[in-house]
């Protein structure tokens, strides 16, 4: 007889909490179905580069051709010449700019070096053209690769030999 009472208590416990767990699962399922728990709605937009270079603002324009605009600030303690920026991602195709020939505001030459010159503490904006940015409603992720050298390099060959590559990340809504 004692075993039956324990079994009945266990069954009542499981049934009571089983229904409660089932209700919680239904609520979570409904939230996910209606998009409330969509990770793209929960994650913030961000543009990050390693310490010293700061991505202050960004925008992704969709279409063919698409474009990505970045505002970059130099806090590395010295001037740099940025020679190339490439962004690859889920829907970002062919997003690259050779800044030796297409620096913002026209070809830039500093100290006989070709590229985009950013003095220490300065910031500037660059627009990177993509072959296409797929039509997409939501946020997308891209990997930023930026190649630069110190603005104290002797010439373009020296800049190429001592080029530094840094990588960052971009998560933004396609406008």
Protein backbone atom coordinates (compact mmCIF):
# COMPACT_ATOMS: atom_id res chain seq x y z
CA UNK A 1 0.00 0.00 0.00
CA UNK A 2 2.85 2.38 0.79
CA UNK A 3 4.34 1.85 -2.65
CA UNK A 4 1.09 2.90 -4.33
CA UNK A 5 1.01 6.20 -2.44
CA UNK A 6 4.59 6.97 -3.47
CA UNK A 7 3.83 6.08 -7.06
CA UNK A 8 0.71 8.25 -7.02
CA UNK A 9 2.69 11.20 -5.62
CA UNK A 10 5.37 10.74 -8.27
CA UNK A 11 2.78 10.61 -11.05
CA UNK A 12 1.02 13.74 -9.76
CA UNK A 13 4.37 15.53 -9.57
CA UNK A 14 5.27 14.55 -13.15
CA UNK A 15 1.86 15.45 -14.51
CA UNK A 16 1.76 18.85 -12.80
CA UNK A 17 5.24 19.89 -13.84
CA UNK A 18 4.94 18.14 -17.19
CA UNK A 19 2.04 20.42 -18.13
CA UNK A 20 3.98 23.46 -16.93
CA UNK A 21 6.99 22.49 -19.06
CA UNK A 22 4.73 21.86 -22.05
CA UNK A 23 3.19 25.35 -21.69
CA UNK A 24 6.67 26.93 -21.53
CA UNK A 25 7.74 25.05 -24.69
CA UNK A 26 4.60 26.17 -26.54
CA UNK A 27 5.25 29.81 -25.56
CA UNK A 28 8.89 29.60 -26.72
CA UNK A 29 7.76 27.99 -29.97
CA UNK A 30 5.20 30.76 -30.57
CA UNK A 31 7.81 33.48 -29.90
CA UNK A 32 10.23 31.84 -32.33
CA UNK A 33 7.51 31.40 -34.98
CA UNK A 34 6.52 35.08 -34.89
CA UNK A 35 10.14 36.27 -35.09
CA UNK A 36 10.48 37.66 -31.58
CA UNK A 37 13.44 35.35 -30.92
CA UNK A 38 15.07 35.95 -34.31
CA UNK A 39 18.84 36.35 -33.65
CA UNK A 40 19.09 39.01 -36.37
CA UNK A 41 16.65 41.17 -34.43
CA UNK A 42 18.47 40.62 -31.15
CA UNK A 43 22.08 41.15 -32.28
CA UNK A 44 23.28 44.76 -32.55
CA UNK A 45 24.99 46.21 -35.60
CA UNK A 46 28.76 46.36 -35.23
CA UNK A 47 31.92 47.15 -37.09
CA UNK A 48 35.09 46.12 -35.30
CA UNK A 49 38.75 46.39 -36.20
CA UNK A 50 41.75 45.48 -34.01
CA UNK A 51 43.09 47.91 -31.42
CA UNK A 52 44.41 51.10 -32.98
CA UNK A 53 42.01 51.32 -35.91
CA UNK A 54 38.42 52.12 -35.13
CA UNK A 55 35.41 51.66 -37.37
CA UNK A 56 33.30 54.64 -36.31
CA UNK A 57 30.35 54.19 -38.70
CA UNK A 58 29.20 51.92 -41.52
CA UNK A 59 26.40 51.30 -44.01
CA UNK A 60 25.70 48.52 -46.53
CA UNK A 61 23.78 49.52 -49.67
CA UNK A 62 22.18 46.59 -51.48
CA UNK A 63 21.81 46.02 -55.19
CA UNK A 64 23.99 45.42 -58.23
CA UNK A 65 26.45 46.96 -57.86
CA UNK A 66 26.21 47.36 -54.11
CA UNK A 67 28.49 49.32 -51.84
CA UNK A 68 29.76 49.48 -48.29
CA UNK A 69 30.77 52.77 -46.69
CA UNK A 70 33.10 52.79 -43.69
CA UNK A 71 34.34 55.61 -41.50
CA UNK A 72 37.74 54.65 -40.05
CA UNK A 73 39.77 56.42 -37.37
CA UNK A 74 43.51 55.93 -36.87
CA UNK A 75 44.60 55.65 -33.23
CA UNK A 76 47.76 53.62 -33.80
CA UNK A 77 50.15 56.31 -32.61
CA UNK A 78 51.57 56.96 -36.09
CA UNK A 79 50.37 57.71 -39.59
CA UNK A 80 49.51 54.84 -41.92
CA UNK A 81 48.95 54.28 -45.64
CA UNK A 82 46.00 51.96 -46.29
CA UNK A 83 46.51 50.21 -49.62
CA UNK A 84 43.63 47.72 -49.83
CA UNK A 85 40.32 46.89 -48.13
CA UNK A 86 38.34 43.71 -48.86
CA UNK A 87 35.06 42.60 -47.29
CA UNK A 88 33.75 39.06 -47.78
CA UNK A 89 30.50 37.75 -46.41
CA UNK A 90 27.34 35.73 -46.79
CA UNK A 91 25.73 38.00 -49.39
CA UNK A 92 28.62 40.40 -50.03
CA UNK A 93 30.27 39.55 -53.37
CA UNK A 94 33.40 41.17 -54.81
CA UNK A 95 33.68 43.96 -52.21
CA UNK A 96 37.21 45.28 -52.62
CA UNK A 97 39.01 48.55 -53.24
CA UNK A 98 42.62 49.13 -54.27
CA UNK A 99 43.42 52.38 -52.50
CA UNK A 100 46.70 52.81 -54.39
CA UNK A 101 44.64 53.94 -57.38
CA UNK A 102 41.25 54.82 -55.88
CA UNK A 103 41.85 56.63 -52.60
CA UNK A 104 38.93 58.63 -51.19
CA UNK A 105 38.96 62.10 -52.75
CA UNK A 106 41.20 60.93 -55.61
CA UNK A 107 44.63 59.34 -55.77
CA UNK A 108 46.57 60.18 -52.62
CA UNK A 109 50.33 60.35 -52.46
CA UNK A 110 52.06 60.97 -49.16
CA UNK A 111 55.83 60.80 -48.76
CA UNK A 112 56.01 59.22 -52.27
CA UNK A 113 53.66 56.42 -51.16
CA UNK A 114 50.46 55.54 -53.00
CA UNK A 115 47.37 54.76 -50.92
CA UNK A 116 44.97 56.33 -48.46
CA UNK A 117 46.88 58.33 -45.86
CA UNK A 118 45.45 58.52 -42.35
CA UNK A 119 47.53 60.55 -39.92
CA UNK A 120 47.43 59.58 -36.26
CA UNK A 121 44.13 60.76 -34.77
CA UNK A 122 42.54 61.45 -38.16
CA UNK A 123 39.47 59.75 -39.52
CA UNK A 124 38.10 59.39 -43.01
CA UNK A 125 35.39 57.69 -45.01
CA UNK A 126 35.78 55.21 -47.83
CA UNK A 127 33.17 53.60 -50.10
CA UNK A 128 33.88 50.07 -51.26
CA UNK A 129 32.06 48.95 -54.41
CA UNK A 130 30.79 45.37 -54.58
CA UNK A 131 29.97 43.42 -57.73
CA UNK A 132 26.66 42.62 -56.03
CA UNK A 133 24.95 42.65 -52.67
CA UNK A 134 22.10 40.14 -52.75
CA UNK A 135 18.63 41.44 -51.96
CA UNK A 136 18.22 40.66 -48.31
CA UNK A 137 16.02 41.96 -45.52
CA UNK A 138 17.92 41.74 -42.29
CA UNK A 139 21.45 41.84 -41.03
CA UNK A 140 24.43 40.23 -42.70
CA UNK A 141 27.94 39.48 -41.55
CA UNK A 142 31.17 40.26 -43.37
CA UNK A 143 34.87 39.81 -42.67
CA UNK A 144 37.02 42.92 -43.21
CA UNK A 145 40.63 42.55 -44.41
CA UNK A 146 42.67 45.76 -44.41
CA UNK A 147 46.27 46.06 -45.68
CA UNK A 148 48.41 49.00 -44.58
CA UNK A 149 51.98 50.13 -44.01
CA UNK A 150 53.57 52.87 -41.92
CA UNK A 151 53.67 56.27 -43.60
CA UNK A 152 57.41 56.38 -42.88
CA UNK A 153 58.15 53.69 -45.50
CA UNK A 154 60.75 54.76 -48.06
CA UNK A 155 58.73 53.96 -51.21
CA UNK A 156 55.92 51.76 -52.55
CA UNK A 157 58.24 48.73 -52.74
CA UNK A 158 59.23 49.19 -49.10
CA UNK A 159 55.55 49.62 -48.21
CA UNK A 160 54.71 46.37 -50.02
CA UNK A 161 57.52 44.47 -48.33
CA UNK A 162 56.46 45.61 -44.87
CA UNK A 163 52.69 45.56 -45.33
CA UNK A 164 50.55 44.61 -42.36
CA UNK A 165 47.24 42.79 -42.65
CA UNK A 166 44.53 43.19 -40.04
CA UNK A 167 41.12 41.60 -39.92
CA UNK A 168 37.85 42.81 -38.49
CA UNK A 169 34.17 42.09 -38.58
CA UNK A 170 31.10 43.87 -39.90
CA UNK A 171 27.52 43.03 -38.94
CA UNK A 172 24.97 45.42 -40.39
CA UNK A 173 21.53 45.74 -41.91
CA UNK A 174 21.37 45.89 -45.70
CA UNK A 175 19.80 49.26 -46.56
